[in-house]
């Protein structure tokens, strides 16, 4: 069964479609801005000392294996 609402175009359909696309673009832009802000915050966080110690120990082990 075909719904007549789906097959009969409305005169204001193009205008509302354009408004819908603009709204979607604005939402995507806002999401992008928030994601960039969150990424910048994560990148600028200091690395915990415990993690740096683990990396140093792994690097030391790697360099001693290469030297043998």
PDB file of N, CA and C in Angstrom:
ATOM      1  N   UNK A   1       0.832  -1.171   0.000  1.00  0.00           N
ATOM      2  CA  UNK A   1       0.000   0.000   0.000  1.00  0.00           C
ATOM      3  C   UNK A   1       0.879   1.237   0.000  1.00  0.00           C
ATOM      4  N   UNK A   2       0.590   2.185  -0.882  1.00  0.00           N
ATOM      5  CA  UNK A   2       1.374   3.411  -1.006  1.00  0.00           C
ATOM      6  C   UNK A   2       0.723   4.507  -0.183  1.00  0.00           C
ATOM      7  N   UNK A   3       1.544   5.177   0.591  1.00  0.00           N
ATOM      8  CA  UNK A   3       1.064   6.284   1.411  1.00  0.00           C
ATOM      9  C   UNK A   3       1.037   7.532   0.553  1.00  0.00           C
ATOM     10  N   UNK A   4      -0.097   8.192   0.467  1.00  0.00           N
ATOM     11  CA  UNK A   4      -0.223   9.369  -0.388  1.00  0.00           C
ATOM     12  C   UNK A   4       0.625  10.523   0.117  1.00  0.00           C
ATOM     13  N   UNK A   5       0.964  10.542   1.388  1.00  0.00           N
ATOM     14  CA  UNK A   5       1.819  11.601   1.928  1.00  0.00           C
ATOM     15  C   UNK A   5       3.224  11.515   1.355  1.00  0.00           C
ATOM     16  N   UNK A   6       3.679  10.309   1.060  1.00  0.00           N
ATOM     17  CA  UNK A   6       5.026  10.122   0.530  1.00  0.00           C
ATOM     18  C   UNK A   6       5.114  10.459  -0.949  1.00  0.00           C
ATOM     19  N   UNK A   7       4.014  10.319  -1.692  1.00  0.00           N
ATOM     20  CA  UNK A   7       4.068  10.522  -3.136  1.00  0.00           C
ATOM     21  C   UNK A   7       3.651  11.917  -3.562  1.00  0.00           C
ATOM     22  N   UNK A   8       2.985  12.647  -2.717  1.00  0.00           N
ATOM     23  CA  UNK A   8       2.531  13.988  -3.069  1.00  0.00           C
ATOM     24  C   UNK A   8       3.502  15.017  -2.507  1.00  0.00           C
ATOM     25  N   UNK A   9       4.264  15.688  -3.378  1.00  0.00           N
ATOM     26  CA  UNK A   9       5.211  16.681  -2.874  1.00  0.00           C
ATOM     27  C   UNK A   9       4.490  17.909  -2.339  1.00  0.00           C
ATOM     28  N   UNK A  10       5.012  18.444  -1.276  1.00  0.00           N
ATOM     29  CA  UNK A  10       4.457  19.675  -0.716  1.00  0.00           C
ATOM     30  C   UNK A  10       5.194  20.858  -1.315  1.00  0.00           C
ATOM     31  N   UNK A  11       4.530  21.975  -1.484  1.00  0.00           N
ATOM     32  CA  UNK A  11       5.203  23.150  -2.042  1.00  0.00           C
ATOM     33  C   UNK A  11       6.327  23.666  -1.145  1.00  0.00           C
ATOM     34  N   UNK A  12       6.196  23.485   0.163  1.00  0.00           N
ATOM     35  CA  UNK A  12       7.229  23.977   1.070  1.00  0.00           C
ATOM     36  C   UNK A  12       8.277  22.923   1.397  1.00  0.00           C
ATOM     37  N   UNK A  13       8.251  21.788   0.729  1.00  0.00           N
ATOM     38  CA  UNK A  13       9.178  20.696   1.019  1.00  0.00           C
ATOM     39  C   UNK A  13      10.619  21.105   0.743  1.00  0.00           C
ATOM     40  N   UNK A  14      10.859  21.818  -0.350  1.00  0.00           N
ATOM     41  CA  UNK A  14      12.226  22.225  -0.675  1.00  0.00           C
ATOM     42  C   UNK A  14      12.754  23.192   0.373  1.00  0.00           C
ATOM     43  N   UNK A  15      11.924  24.121   0.791  1.00  0.00           N
ATOM     44  CA  UNK A  15      12.358  25.093   1.778  1.00  0.00           C
ATOM     45  C   UNK A  15      12.641  24.422   3.117  1.00  0.00           C
ATOM     46  N   UNK A  16      11.779  23.523   3.532  1.00  0.00           N
ATOM     47  CA  UNK A  16      12.012  22.844   4.809  1.00  0.00           C
ATOM     48  C   UNK A  16      13.203  21.912   4.700  1.00  0.00           C
ATOM     49  N   UNK A  17      13.442  21.323   3.526  1.00  0.00           N
ATOM     50  CA  UNK A  17      14.611  20.478   3.315  1.00  0.00           C
ATOM     51  C   UNK A  17      15.894  21.276   3.422  1.00  0.00           C
ATOM     52  N   UNK A  18      15.886  22.489   2.859  1.00  0.00           N
ATOM     53  CA  UNK A  18      17.061  23.355   2.956  1.00  0.00           C
ATOM     54  C   UNK A  18      17.328  23.740   4.404  1.00  0.00           C
ATOM     55  N   UNK A  19      16.267  24.034   5.137  1.00  0.00           N
ATOM     56  CA  UNK A  19      16.423  24.373   6.552  1.00  0.00           C
ATOM     57  C   UNK A  19      16.949  23.171   7.325  1.00  0.00           C
ATOM     58  N   UNK A  20      16.484  21.988   6.971  1.00  0.00           N
ATOM     59  CA  UNK A  20      16.947  20.777   7.633  1.00  0.00           C
ATOM     60  C   UNK A  20      18.416  20.526   7.366  1.00  0.00           C
ATOM     61  N   UNK A  21      18.853  20.755   6.116  1.00  0.00           N
ATOM     62  CA  UNK A  21      20.268  20.575   5.784  1.00  0.00           C
ATOM     63  C   UNK A  21      21.131  21.584   6.530  1.00  0.00           C
ATOM     64  N   UNK A  22      20.662  22.802   6.624  1.00  0.00           N
ATOM     65  CA  UNK A  22      21.412  23.835   7.335  1.00  0.00           C
ATOM     66  C   UNK A  22      21.521  23.479   8.819  1.00  0.00           C
ATOM     67  N   UNK A  23      20.433  22.955   9.374  1.00  0.00           N
ATOM     68  CA  UNK A  23      20.455  22.549  10.778  1.00  0.00           C
ATOM     69  C   UNK A  23      21.441  21.408  11.001  1.00  0.00           C
ATOM     70  N   UNK A  24      21.460  20.448  10.075  1.00  0.00           N
ATOM     71  CA  UNK A  24      22.395  19.326  10.172  1.00  0.00           C
ATOM     72  C   UNK A  24      23.832  19.836  10.082  1.00  0.00           C
ATOM     73  N   UNK A  25      24.092  20.750   9.165  1.00  0.00           N
ATOM     74  CA  UNK A  25      25.448  21.300   9.022  1.00  0.00           C
ATOM     75  C   UNK A  25      25.882  22.029  10.285  1.00  0.00           C
ATOM     76  N   UNK A  26      24.972  22.799  10.876  1.00  0.00           N
ATOM     77  CA  UNK A  26      25.299  23.516  12.101  1.00  0.00           C
ATOM     78  C   UNK A  26      25.590  22.547  13.243  1.00  0.00           C
ATOM     79  N   UNK A  27      24.822  21.469  13.326  1.00  0.00           N
ATOM     80  CA  UNK A  27      25.069  20.470  14.364  1.00  0.00           C
ATOM     81  C   UNK A  27      26.420  19.798  14.158  1.00  0.00           C
ATOM     82  N   UNK A  28      26.731  19.439  12.909  1.00  0.00           N
ATOM     83  CA  UNK A  28      28.014  18.806  12.615  1.00  0.00           C
ATOM     84  C   UNK A  28      29.169  19.740  12.949  1.00  0.00           C
ATOM     85  N   UNK A  29      28.994  21.014  12.628  1.00  0.00           N
ATOM     86  CA  UNK A  29      30.039  21.991  12.932  1.00  0.00           C
ATOM     87  C   UNK A  29      30.234  22.115  14.442  1.00  0.00           C
ATOM     88  N   UNK A  30      29.144  22.151  15.189  1.00  0.00           N
ATOM     89  CA  UNK A  30      29.237  22.250  16.645  1.00  0.00           C
ATOM     90  C   UNK A  30      29.914  21.010  17.229  1.00  0.00           C
ATOM     91  N   UNK A  31      29.582  19.837  16.698  1.00  0.00           N
ATOM     92  CA  UNK A  31      30.221  18.605  17.158  1.00  0.00           C
ATOM     93  C   UNK A  31      31.712  18.646  16.857  1.00  0.00           C
ATOM     94  N   UNK A  32      32.075  19.112  15.667  1.00  0.00           N
ATOM     95  CA  UNK A  32      33.486  19.216  15.294  1.00  0.00           C
ATOM     96  C   UNK A  32      34.258  20.147  16.214  1.00  0.00           C
ATOM     97  N   UNK A  33      33.648  21.267  16.558  1.00  0.00           N
ATOM     98  CA  UNK A  33      34.304  22.223  17.456  1.00  0.00           C
ATOM     99  C   UNK A  33      34.525  21.583  18.826  1.00  0.00           C
ATOM    100  N   UNK A  34      33.507  20.901  19.337  1.00  0.00           N
ATOM    101  CA  UNK A  34      33.627  20.244  20.652  1.00  0.00           C
ATOM    102  C   UNK A  34      34.703  19.151  20.614  1.00  0.00           C
ATOM    103  N   UNK A  35      34.725  18.354  19.536  1.00  0.00           N
ATOM    104  CA  UNK A  35      35.722  17.288  19.430  1.00  0.00           C
ATOM    105  C   UNK A  35      37.144  17.852  19.371  1.00  0.00           C
ATOM    106  N   UNK A  36      37.341  18.926  18.610  1.00  0.00           N
ATOM    107  CA  UNK A  36      38.671  19.544  18.547  1.00  0.00           C
ATOM    108  C   UNK A  36      39.092  20.069  19.916  1.00  0.00           C
ATOM    109  N   UNK A  37      38.147  20.663  20.632  1.00  0.00           N
ATOM    110  CA  UNK A  37      38.436  21.181  21.968  1.00  0.00           C
ATOM    111  C   UNK A  37      38.832  20.042  22.912  1.00  0.00           C
ATOM    112  N   UNK A  38      38.076  18.948  22.870  1.00  0.00           N
ATOM    113  CA  UNK A  38      38.392  17.801  23.724  1.00  0.00           C
ATOM    114  C   UNK A  38      39.748  17.206  23.355  1.00  0.00           C
ATOM    115  N   UNK A  39      40.035  17.096  22.066  1.00  0.00           N
ATOM    116  CA  UNK A  39      41.312  16.552  21.612  1.00  0.00           C
ATOM    117  C   UNK A  39      42.461  17.420  22.110  1.00  0.00           C
ATOM    118  N   UNK A  40      42.307  18.741  21.990  1.00  0.00           N
ATOM    119  CA  UNK A  40      43.355  19.655  22.451  1.00  0.00           C
ATOM    120  C   UNK A  40      43.596  19.500  23.952  1.00  0.00           C
ATOM    121  N   UNK A  41      42.535  19.309  24.719  1.00  0.00           N
ATOM    122  CA  UNK A  41      42.688  19.114  26.159  1.00  0.00           C
ATOM    123  C   UNK A  41      43.464  17.843  26.461  1.00  0.00           C
ATOM    124  N   UNK A  42      43.153  16.765  25.759  1.00  0.00           N
ATOM    125  CA  UNK A  42      43.838  15.489  25.991  1.00  0.00           C
ATOM    126  C   UNK A  42      45.310  15.598  25.596  1.00  0.00           C
ATOM    127  N   UNK A  43      45.586  16.230  24.474  1.00  0.00           N
ATOM    128  CA  UNK A  43      46.965  16.357  23.998  1.00  0.00           C
ATOM    129  C   UNK A  43      47.803  17.175  24.977  1.00  0.00           C
ATOM    130  N   UNK A  44      47.203  18.155  25.600  1.00  0.00           N
ATOM    131  CA  UNK A  44      47.940  19.039  26.501  1.00  0.00           C
ATOM    132  C   UNK A  44      48.028  18.526  27.934  1.00  0.00           C
ATOM    133  N   UNK A  45      47.423  17.379  28.225  1.00  0.00           N
ATOM    134  CA  UNK A  45      47.534  16.815  29.566  1.00  0.00           C
ATOM    135  C   UNK A  45      48.948  16.300  29.789  1.00  0.00           C
ATOM    136  N   UNK A  46      49.459  16.463  30.997  1.00  0.00           N
ATOM    137  CA  UNK A  46      50.804  15.944  31.273  1.00  0.00           C
ATOM    138  C   UNK A  46      50.797  14.418  31.337  1.00  0.00           C
ATOM    139  N   UNK A  47      51.937  13.834  30.991  1.00  0.00           N
ATOM    140  CA  UNK A  47      52.077  12.379  31.051  1.00  0.00           C
ATOM    141  C   UNK A  47      52.406  12.011  32.498  1.00  0.00           C
ATOM    142  N   UNK A  48      51.677  11.066  33.084  1.00  0.00           N
ATOM    143  CA  UNK A  48      51.949  10.676  34.482  1.00  0.00           C
ATOM    144  C   UNK A  48      53.365  10.128  34.642  1.00  0.00           C
ATOM    145  N   UNK A  49      53.974  10.434  35.784  1.00  0.00           N
ATOM    146  CA  UNK A  49      55.340   9.976  36.062  1.00  0.00           C
ATOM    147  C   UNK A  49      55.463   8.457  36.010  1.00  0.00           C
ATOM    148  N   UNK A  50      54.450   7.748  36.499  1.00  0.00           N
ATOM    149  CA  UNK A  50      54.500   6.289  36.494  1.00  0.00           C
ATOM    150  C   UNK A  50      54.601   5.756  35.067  1.00  0.00           C
ATOM    151  N   UNK A  51      53.882   6.378  34.152  1.00  0.00           N
ATOM    152  CA  UNK A  51      53.924   5.939  32.764  1.00  0.00           C
ATOM    153  C   UNK A  51      55.297   6.243  32.152  1.00  0.00           C
ATOM    154  N   UNK A  52      55.845   7.394  32.472  1.00  0.00           N
ATOM    155  CA  UNK A  52      57.183   7.732  31.973  1.00  0.00           C
ATOM    156  C   UNK A  52      58.222   6.734  32.490  1.00  0.00           C
ATOM    157  N   UNK A  53      58.083   6.313  33.753  1.00  0.00           N
ATOM    158  CA  UNK A  53      59.000   5.309  34.308  1.00  0.00           C
ATOM    159  C   UNK A  53      58.898   3.990  33.549  1.00  0.00           C
ATOM    160  N   UNK A  54      57.692   3.569  33.251  1.00  0.00           N
ATOM    161  CA  UNK A  54      57.491   2.330  32.489  1.00  0.00           C
ATOM    162  C   UNK A  54      58.145   2.436  31.115  1.00  0.00           C
ATOM    163  N   UNK A  55      57.975   3.572  30.461  1.00  0.00           N
ATOM    164  CA  UNK A  55      58.589   3.764  29.143  1.00  0.00           C
ATOM    165  C   UNK A  55      60.108   3.757  29.229  1.00  0.00           C
ATOM    166  N   UNK A  56      60.667   4.376  30.264  1.00  0.00           N
ATOM    167  CA  UNK A  56      62.132   4.386  30.433  1.00  0.00           C
ATOM    168  C   UNK A  56      62.670   2.974  30.639  1.00  0.00           C
ATOM    169  N   UNK A  57      61.982   2.191  31.495  1.00  0.00           N
ATOM    170  CA  UNK A  57      62.428   0.824  31.741  1.00  0.00           C
ATOM    171  C   UNK A  57      62.360  -0.023  30.468  1.00  0.00           C
ATOM    172  N   UNK A  58      61.299   0.148  29.703  1.00  0.00           N
ATOM    173  CA  UNK A  58      61.160  -0.596  28.446  1.00  0.00           C
ATOM    174  C   UNK A  58      62.259  -0.184  27.470  1.00  0.00           C
ATOM    175  N   UNK A  59      62.565   1.100  27.438  1.00  0.00           N
ATOM    176  CA  UNK A  59      63.618   1.589  26.548  1.00  0.00           C
ATOM    177  C   UNK A  59      64.978   1.046  26.983  1.00  0.00           C
ATOM    178  N   UNK A  60      65.217   1.014  28.293  1.00  0.00           N
ATOM    179  CA  UNK A  60      66.484   0.469  28.804  1.00  0.00           C
ATOM    180  C   UNK A  60      66.633  -1.004  28.447  1.00  0.00           C
ATOM    181  N   UNK A  61      65.574  -1.772  28.615  1.00  0.00           N
ATOM    182  CA  UNK A  61      65.614  -3.200  28.275  1.00  0.00           C
ATOM    183  C   UNK A  61      65.863  -3.401  26.787  1.00  0.00           C
ATOM    184  N   UNK A  62      65.233  -2.562  25.982  1.00  0.00           N
ATOM    185  CA  UNK A  62      65.391  -2.662  24.535  1.00  0.00           C
ATOM    186  C   UNK A  62      66.819  -2.348  24.127  1.00  0.00           C
ATOM    187  N   UNK A  63      67.406  -1.331  24.751  1.00  0.00           N
ATOM    188  CA  UNK A  63      68.773  -0.947  24.375  1.00  0.00           C
ATOM    189  C   UNK A  63      69.796  -1.971  24.858  1.00  0.00           C
ATOM    190  N   UNK A  64      69.560  -2.657  25.990  1.00  0.00           N
ATOM    191  CA  UNK A  64      70.497  -3.681  26.446  1.00  0.00           C
ATOM    192  C   UNK A  64      70.415  -4.918  25.566  1.00  0.00           C
ATOM    193  N   UNK A  65      69.252  -5.251  25.048  1.00  0.00           N
ATOM    194  CA  UNK A  65      69.125  -6.393  24.138  1.00  0.00           C
ATOM    195  C   UNK A  65      69.822  -6.114  22.818  1.00  0.00           C
ATOM    196  N   UNK A  66      69.745  -4.863  22.356  1.00  0.00           N
ATOM    197  CA  UNK A  66      70.389  -4.502  21.093  1.00  0.00           C
ATOM    198  C   UNK A  66      71.903  -4.494  21.234  1.00  0.00           C
ATOM    199  N   UNK A  67      72.395  -4.193  22.410  1.00  0.00           N
ATOM    200  CA  UNK A  67      73.844  -4.110  22.633  1.00  0.00           C
ATOM    201  C   UNK A  67      74.500  -5.464  22.789  1.00  0.00           C
ATOM    202  N   UNK A  68      73.737  -6.510  23.042  1.00  0.00           N
ATOM    203  CA  UNK A  68      74.338  -7.829  23.259  1.00  0.00           C
ATOM    204  C   UNK A  68      74.629  -8.543  21.987  1.00  0.00           C
TER     205      UNK A  68
END
